[in-house]
N, C-alpha and C. Protein backbone atom coordinates (compact mmCIF):
# COMPACT_ATOMS: atom_id res chain seq x y z
N MET A 1 321.90 151.10 72.02
CA MET A 1 323.05 151.84 71.93
C MET A 1 323.83 150.71 72.75
N SER A 2 325.14 150.27 72.19
CA SER A 2 325.79 149.24 72.26
C SER A 2 326.24 149.46 73.79
N THR A 3 326.81 148.09 74.43
CA THR A 3 327.63 148.16 75.78
C THR A 3 328.76 149.52 75.72
N ALA A 4 329.59 149.76 74.67
CA ALA A 4 330.55 150.33 75.09
C ALA A 4 329.94 151.86 74.52
N ASP A 5 329.07 151.82 74.31
CA ASP A 5 328.61 153.38 73.83
C ASP A 5 327.96 153.89 75.28
N ARG A 6 327.10 152.86 76.04
CA ARG A 6 326.68 153.27 77.39
C ARG A 6 327.75 153.44 78.34
N PHE A 7 328.66 152.60 78.44
CA PHE A 7 329.80 152.57 79.10
C PHE A 7 330.45 154.01 78.98
N ARG A 8 330.74 154.58 77.89
CA ARG A 8 331.52 155.57 77.54
C ARG A 8 330.51 156.64 78.15
N ALA A 9 329.12 156.79 77.96
CA ALA A 9 328.10 157.65 78.36
C ALA A 9 328.10 157.87 80.23
N ALA A 10 328.24 156.78 80.66
CA ALA A 10 328.20 156.66 82.30
C ALA A 10 329.42 157.20 82.46
N VAL A 11 330.77 157.03 82.13
CA VAL A 11 332.12 157.78 82.46
C VAL A 11 332.19 159.37 82.08
N ASP A 12 331.68 159.39 81.16
CA ASP A 12 331.28 161.05 80.53
C ASP A 12 330.62 161.60 81.81
N SER A 13 329.33 161.27 82.08
CA SER A 13 328.72 161.87 83.06
C SER A 13 329.11 161.54 84.14
N ARG A 14 330.09 160.72 84.37
CA ARG A 14 330.47 160.34 86.10
C ARG A 14 329.23 159.73 86.53
N ASP A 15 328.46 158.66 86.30
CA ASP A 15 327.32 158.05 86.64
C ASP A 15 327.67 156.50 87.21
N LEU A 16 328.21 156.56 88.32
CA LEU A 16 328.36 154.86 88.74
C LEU A 16 327.38 154.34 88.93
N ALA A 17 326.09 154.72 89.14
CA ALA A 17 324.88 153.55 89.17
C ALA A 17 325.07 153.01 87.78
N ALA A 18 324.79 153.82 86.55
CA ALA A 18 324.81 153.79 84.95
C ALA A 18 325.98 152.28 84.78
N LEU A 19 326.90 152.23 85.54
CA LEU A 19 327.94 151.42 85.28
C LEU A 19 327.19 150.02 85.86
N ASP A 20 326.67 149.77 86.85
CA ASP A 20 326.39 148.81 87.71
C ASP A 20 326.10 147.77 86.56
N GLY A 21 325.01 147.79 85.96
CA GLY A 21 324.45 146.58 84.76
C GLY A 21 325.30 146.22 83.84
N LEU A 22 326.50 147.21 83.25
CA LEU A 22 327.20 146.84 82.24
C LEU A 22 327.96 145.48 82.41
N PHE A 23 328.50 145.43 83.99
CA PHE A 23 329.59 144.26 84.16
C PHE A 23 328.75 143.27 84.46
N THR A 24 329.79 141.95 84.21
CA THR A 24 329.38 140.48 84.40
C THR A 24 329.34 140.42 86.00
N GLU A 25 328.71 139.59 86.57
CA GLU A 25 329.49 139.41 87.99
C GLU A 25 330.61 138.85 88.55
N ASP A 26 331.20 138.35 87.58
CA ASP A 26 332.61 137.92 87.66
C ASP A 26 333.43 138.66 86.78
N VAL A 27 333.41 139.86 87.08
CA VAL A 27 334.22 141.01 85.77
C VAL A 27 335.22 140.68 86.32
N ARG A 28 336.39 140.83 85.28
CA ARG A 28 338.10 141.05 85.84
C ARG A 28 338.22 142.05 85.30
N PHE A 29 339.19 143.02 86.06
CA PHE A 29 339.69 144.69 85.55
C PHE A 29 341.49 144.18 85.76
N TYR A 30 342.25 144.65 84.36
CA TYR A 30 343.47 144.35 84.77
C TYR A 30 343.85 145.94 84.51
N SER A 31 344.52 146.42 85.59
CA SER A 31 344.90 147.47 85.91
C SER A 31 346.30 147.86 85.05
N PRO A 32 346.79 149.00 84.87
CA PRO A 32 348.46 149.37 84.55
C PRO A 32 349.20 149.08 85.59
N VAL A 33 349.00 149.25 86.75
CA VAL A 33 349.77 149.51 87.95
C VAL A 33 349.72 147.94 88.80
N LYS A 34 348.82 147.51 88.52
CA LYS A 34 348.73 146.16 89.75
C LYS A 34 348.71 144.78 88.81
N PHE A 35 349.68 143.77 89.20
CA PHE A 35 349.82 142.71 88.23
C PHE A 35 348.86 141.48 88.16
N THR A 36 348.15 141.66 89.21
CA THR A 36 346.89 140.37 89.30
C THR A 36 345.61 141.45 89.03
N PRO A 37 344.75 140.74 88.61
CA PRO A 37 343.29 141.53 88.27
C PRO A 37 342.69 141.81 89.47
N PHE A 38 341.79 142.96 89.36
CA PHE A 38 340.33 143.26 90.31
C PHE A 38 339.29 142.40 89.87
N GLU A 39 338.92 141.59 90.45
CA GLU A 39 337.60 140.61 90.28
C GLU A 39 336.60 140.79 90.64
N GLY A 40 335.32 140.57 90.28
CA GLY A 40 334.00 140.59 90.91
C GLY A 40 333.38 142.19 90.81
N ARG A 41 332.16 141.93 90.26
CA ARG A 41 331.15 143.54 90.20
C ARG A 41 331.46 144.23 91.33
N PRO A 42 331.21 143.91 92.36
CA PRO A 42 331.27 144.99 93.78
C PRO A 42 333.03 145.89 93.69
N MET A 43 333.84 144.79 93.34
CA MET A 43 335.12 145.32 93.41
C MET A 43 335.72 146.18 92.40
N VAL A 44 335.12 146.07 91.60
CA VAL A 44 335.51 146.81 90.31
C VAL A 44 334.42 148.14 90.11
N LEU A 45 333.25 148.11 90.56
CA LEU A 45 332.35 149.30 90.81
C LEU A 45 332.94 150.12 91.86
N GLY A 46 333.43 149.67 92.96
CA GLY A 46 334.55 150.27 93.87
C GLY A 46 335.34 150.98 93.21
N LEU A 47 336.37 150.31 92.51
CA LEU A 47 337.33 150.94 91.89
C LEU A 47 336.83 152.14 90.90
N PHE A 48 335.87 151.86 90.00
CA PHE A 48 335.29 153.01 89.45
C PHE A 48 335.24 154.36 90.19
N GLY A 49 334.55 154.19 91.07
CA GLY A 49 334.00 154.99 92.09
C GLY A 49 335.31 155.92 92.29
N VAL A 50 336.60 155.31 92.63
CA VAL A 50 337.95 155.84 92.98
C VAL A 50 338.10 156.63 91.79
N LEU A 51 338.37 155.75 90.42
CA LEU A 51 338.68 156.25 89.11
C LEU A 51 337.96 157.75 88.65
N LEU A 52 336.99 157.42 88.76
CA LEU A 52 335.91 158.53 88.37
C LEU A 52 336.22 159.88 89.51
N ARG A 53 336.68 159.72 90.66
CA ARG A 53 337.46 161.18 91.40
C ARG A 53 338.67 161.33 90.89
N VAL A 54 339.32 160.58 90.46
CA VAL A 54 340.72 160.45 90.82
C VAL A 54 341.14 161.06 89.18
N PHE A 55 340.42 161.11 88.06
CA PHE A 55 340.31 161.60 86.79
C PHE A 55 340.08 162.82 87.03
N GLU A 56 340.76 164.21 86.72
CA GLU A 56 340.04 165.32 86.74
C GLU A 56 339.80 165.70 85.50
N ASP A 57 340.06 164.95 84.40
CA ASP A 57 338.57 165.27 82.94
C ASP A 57 339.43 163.88 82.37
N ILE A 58 338.59 163.12 81.85
CA ILE A 58 338.37 162.13 81.24
C ILE A 58 338.10 162.19 79.64
N ARG A 59 338.25 162.29 78.49
CA ARG A 59 337.63 162.06 77.42
C ARG A 59 338.25 161.36 76.22
N TYR A 60 337.03 160.60 75.90
CA TYR A 60 337.13 159.47 74.98
C TYR A 60 337.29 160.04 73.32
N ILE A 61 338.23 159.40 72.90
CA ILE A 61 338.66 160.27 71.66
C ILE A 61 338.37 159.28 70.67
N GLY A 62 337.82 158.05 70.47
CA GLY A 62 337.52 157.16 69.49
C GLY A 62 337.06 156.01 69.88
N ARG A 63 336.97 155.01 68.97
CA ARG A 63 336.56 153.66 69.39
C ARG A 63 336.84 153.06 68.23
N TYR A 64 337.38 151.53 68.56
CA TYR A 64 337.51 150.49 67.61
C TYR A 64 336.69 149.14 67.83
N ASP A 65 336.24 148.75 67.25
CA ASP A 65 335.31 147.28 67.77
C ASP A 65 336.19 146.24 66.52
N GLY A 66 336.07 145.14 67.63
CA GLY A 66 336.41 143.77 66.93
C GLY A 66 336.13 142.57 67.96
N ALA A 67 337.42 141.65 67.81
CA ALA A 67 337.31 140.77 68.58
C ALA A 67 339.02 140.55 69.18
N ALA A 68 338.76 139.82 70.36
CA ALA A 68 340.13 139.43 70.62
C ALA A 68 340.13 138.46 71.90
N GLU A 69 341.41 137.99 72.24
CA GLU A 69 341.36 136.74 72.75
C GLU A 69 341.50 137.38 74.43
N THR A 70 340.54 136.57 75.22
CA THR A 70 340.58 137.63 76.50
C THR A 70 341.98 136.87 77.45
N GLY A 71 342.22 137.40 78.39
CA GLY A 71 343.36 137.29 79.10
C GLY A 71 342.69 136.10 80.23
N ALA A 72 341.70 136.02 80.75
CA ALA A 72 341.06 134.73 81.72
C ALA A 72 341.07 133.45 81.18
N ASP A 73 340.36 133.27 80.00
CA ASP A 73 340.29 132.10 79.39
C ASP A 73 340.69 131.77 78.04
N GLY A 74 341.45 133.00 77.67
CA GLY A 74 341.75 132.64 76.23
C GLY A 74 340.87 132.54 74.73
N ALA A 75 339.57 132.95 75.13
CA ALA A 75 338.60 132.21 74.41
C ALA A 75 338.33 133.82 73.71
N VAL A 76 338.24 134.02 72.50
CA VAL A 76 338.02 135.17 71.58
C VAL A 76 336.49 135.55 71.74
N ALA A 77 336.57 136.77 71.99
CA ALA A 77 335.56 137.47 72.39
C ALA A 77 334.92 139.03 71.49
N PRO A 78 333.96 139.49 71.39
CA PRO A 78 333.88 140.61 70.72
C PRO A 78 334.47 141.69 71.47
N SER A 79 335.17 142.88 70.97
CA SER A 79 335.60 143.37 72.14
C SER A 79 335.87 145.16 71.32
N ALA A 80 336.02 146.21 72.30
CA ALA A 80 335.83 147.32 71.56
C ALA A 80 337.02 148.26 72.49
N VAL A 81 338.06 148.76 71.64
CA VAL A 81 338.89 149.67 72.23
C VAL A 81 338.61 151.23 72.29
N LEU A 82 338.59 151.72 73.30
CA LEU A 82 338.09 153.16 73.42
C LEU A 82 339.46 153.93 74.15
N PRO A 83 340.23 154.55 72.99
CA PRO A 83 341.41 155.69 73.36
C PRO A 83 340.79 156.89 73.98
N PHE A 84 341.73 157.31 75.09
CA PHE A 84 341.38 158.46 75.96
C PHE A 84 342.29 159.15 76.30
N ARG A 85 342.08 160.06 76.60
CA ARG A 85 342.96 161.35 77.31
C ARG A 85 342.63 161.66 78.83
N ALA A 86 343.50 162.25 79.87
CA ALA A 86 342.81 162.44 81.06
C ALA A 86 343.95 163.04 81.83
N THR A 87 343.76 163.44 82.81
CA THR A 87 344.66 164.22 83.72
C THR A 87 344.71 163.94 84.90
N VAL A 88 345.75 163.52 85.82
CA VAL A 88 345.90 162.81 87.23
C VAL A 88 346.63 163.47 87.80
N ASN A 89 346.59 164.19 89.16
CA ASN A 89 347.57 164.92 89.60
C ASN A 89 348.39 165.89 88.81
N GLY A 90 347.40 166.48 87.94
CA GLY A 90 348.46 167.32 87.00
C GLY A 90 349.14 166.90 85.71
N LYS A 91 349.44 165.50 85.83
CA LYS A 91 349.89 164.68 84.67
C LYS A 91 349.16 163.99 83.60
N GLN A 92 349.20 164.34 82.38
CA GLN A 92 348.65 164.12 81.31
C GLN A 92 348.73 162.71 81.14
N ILE A 93 347.60 161.95 80.85
CA ILE A 93 347.82 160.32 80.42
C ILE A 93 347.28 160.23 79.14
N HIS A 94 347.61 159.30 78.44
CA HIS A 94 346.90 158.96 77.27
C HIS A 94 346.93 157.21 77.66
N GLY A 95 345.68 156.60 77.11
CA GLY A 95 345.47 155.35 77.09
C GLY A 95 344.35 155.05 76.35
N ILE A 96 344.12 153.65 76.65
CA ILE A 96 342.95 152.65 76.03
C ILE A 96 342.37 151.94 77.00
N ASP A 97 341.40 151.86 77.05
CA ASP A 97 340.26 150.86 77.68
C ASP A 97 340.04 149.75 76.64
N LEU A 98 340.50 148.41 77.01
CA LEU A 98 340.06 147.42 76.23
C LEU A 98 338.76 146.52 76.96
N LEU A 99 337.49 146.66 76.08
CA LEU A 99 336.50 146.03 76.70
C LEU A 99 336.25 144.42 75.96
N HIS A 100 336.05 143.56 76.89
CA HIS A 100 335.89 142.25 76.34
C HIS A 100 334.31 141.89 77.26
N PHE A 101 333.64 141.44 75.54
CA PHE A 101 331.95 141.30 76.09
C PHE A 101 331.34 139.95 76.19
N ASP A 102 330.53 139.54 76.84
CA ASP A 102 330.02 138.49 77.19
C ASP A 102 329.39 138.13 75.69
N ASP A 103 328.00 136.95 75.97
CA ASP A 103 327.28 136.70 74.81
C ASP A 103 325.97 137.59 74.98
N GLU A 104 325.74 138.15 76.44
CA GLU A 104 324.46 139.22 76.16
C GLU A 104 325.25 140.39 76.29
N GLY A 105 326.21 140.78 76.16
CA GLY A 105 326.85 141.89 75.65
C GLY A 105 327.43 142.77 77.25
N ARG A 106 327.59 142.13 78.12
CA ARG A 106 328.12 142.33 78.95
C ARG A 106 329.53 142.85 78.90
N ILE A 107 330.05 143.55 79.83
CA ILE A 107 331.66 143.58 80.07
C ILE A 107 332.22 142.40 81.13
N LYS A 108 332.94 141.45 80.40
CA LYS A 108 333.54 140.36 81.21
C LYS A 108 334.86 140.89 81.25
N GLU A 109 335.84 141.49 80.99
CA GLU A 109 337.13 141.90 81.11
C GLU A 109 337.23 143.19 80.73
N PHE A 110 338.14 143.79 81.70
CA PHE A 110 338.39 145.09 81.12
C PHE A 110 339.83 145.72 81.32
N THR A 111 340.37 145.93 80.41
CA THR A 111 342.11 146.29 80.37
C THR A 111 342.50 147.64 80.35
N VAL A 112 342.64 148.45 80.99
CA VAL A 112 343.50 149.69 81.19
C VAL A 112 345.25 149.67 80.78
N MET A 113 345.29 150.51 79.59
CA MET A 113 347.07 150.68 79.06
C MET A 113 347.25 152.44 79.26
N VAL A 114 347.97 152.67 79.80
CA VAL A 114 348.27 154.09 80.02
C VAL A 114 349.99 154.36 80.02
N ARG A 115 350.10 155.53 79.25
CA ARG A 115 351.52 156.19 78.94
C ARG A 115 351.41 157.68 79.47
N PRO A 116 352.53 158.35 79.59
CA PRO A 116 353.49 157.82 79.91
C PRO A 116 354.10 157.32 81.12
N GLN A 117 355.37 156.82 81.82
CA GLN A 117 355.51 156.31 82.88
C GLN A 117 355.26 156.99 83.98
N SER A 118 355.45 158.24 83.97
CA SER A 118 355.25 159.34 85.17
C SER A 118 353.70 159.36 85.12
N ALA A 119 352.87 159.10 84.45
CA ALA A 119 351.38 159.04 84.51
C ALA A 119 350.98 157.90 85.21
N VAL A 120 351.72 156.89 84.70
CA VAL A 120 351.15 155.59 85.48
C VAL A 120 351.50 155.35 86.65
N GLN A 121 352.21 156.22 87.38
CA GLN A 121 352.71 156.20 88.75
C GLN A 121 351.81 157.26 89.79
N ALA A 122 351.69 158.27 88.62
CA ALA A 122 350.71 159.50 89.52
C ALA A 122 349.50 158.86 89.91
N LEU A 123 348.84 157.80 88.46
CA LEU A 123 347.57 157.10 88.62
C LEU A 123 347.82 156.03 89.94
N GLY A 124 348.67 155.33 89.62
CA GLY A 124 348.70 154.20 90.67
C GLY A 124 348.39 154.29 91.99
N GLU A 125 349.11 155.78 92.45
CA GLU A 125 349.17 156.25 93.52
C GLU A 125 348.22 156.87 93.76
N ALA A 126 347.52 157.64 92.88
CA ALA A 126 346.06 158.26 93.68
C ALA A 126 345.11 157.41 93.57
N VAL A 127 345.17 156.04 92.78
CA VAL A 127 344.01 155.04 92.70
C VAL A 127 344.07 154.32 93.99
N LEU A 128 345.56 154.07 95.00
CA LEU A 128 345.69 153.30 95.83
C LEU A 128 345.47 154.02 96.91
N THR A 129 345.27 155.37 97.13
CA THR A 129 344.96 156.38 98.23
C THR A 129 343.36 156.37 98.09
N GLY A 130 342.74 156.16 96.75
CA GLY A 130 341.10 156.24 96.95
C GLY A 130 340.78 155.04 97.16
N LEU A 131 341.20 154.01 96.90
CA LEU A 131 340.82 152.46 97.50
C LEU A 131 340.85 152.17 98.89
N MET A 132 342.17 152.96 99.40
CA MET A 132 342.52 152.85 100.82
C MET A 132 341.43 153.72 101.40
N ALA A 133 341.12 154.88 100.99
CA ALA A 133 339.69 155.49 101.80
C ALA A 133 338.80 155.28 101.62
N ASP A 134 338.34 154.43 100.44
CA ASP A 134 337.17 153.87 100.54
C ASP A 134 336.97 152.29 101.53
N GLY A 135 337.90 152.17 101.80
CA GLY A 135 338.27 150.60 102.70
C GLY A 135 338.25 149.24 101.74
N LEU A 136 338.16 149.53 100.50
CA LEU A 136 338.33 148.39 99.60
C LEU A 136 339.87 147.87 99.38
N VAL A 137 341.04 148.55 99.93
CA VAL A 137 342.29 147.52 100.34
C VAL A 137 342.92 147.83 101.62
N PRO A 138 343.45 147.18 102.50
CA PRO A 138 343.94 147.83 103.10
C PRO A 138 345.37 148.64 103.31
N ALA A 139 345.53 149.37 104.26
CA ALA A 139 346.42 150.56 104.02
C ALA A 139 347.58 149.38 104.57
N PRO A 140 348.79 149.76 103.78
CA PRO A 140 350.28 148.97 104.06
C PRO A 140 350.65 149.04 105.42
N PRO A 141 351.36 148.21 106.26
CA PRO A 141 351.85 148.19 107.12
C PRO A 141 352.89 149.58 107.33
N ALA A 142 353.00 150.18 108.51
CA ALA A 142 353.64 150.91 108.96
C ALA A 142 355.04 150.84 108.90
N ALA A 143 356.06 151.51 108.24
CA ALA A 143 357.33 151.19 108.55
C ALA A 143 358.01 150.97 109.77
N GLY A 144 359.06 150.60 110.30
CA GLY A 144 359.60 150.50 111.18
C GLY A 144 359.57 149.79 112.20
């Protein structure tokens, strides 16, 4: 079973432990709501813990395999695109997960793209709340 298939199965079953061995130690996760990537396996696994709670449903609806240039080093790497549908806070999301693999087949870079804008906003708010609740990012300073 390929890494993309194992990733999809782990998400489908909401099995965070199954995701652990799929990422490189220095994995980079590019989010649609944050300019800089989340970096490192512990942070990315923490983020997936939040995502698996935030998505009310997620279903992958296809797969495309090929190669693409990574954002981190510009090297061309084997890649898979997994289109998905999901719901967050009642908003329907259409998106893709772009996975780049290292020489051992582990995920070294992960990019998520979603639409429409209202869904991006709902996703960003839900994920930030989850990241703060899990202690992965600090709460913003109080206004005033």
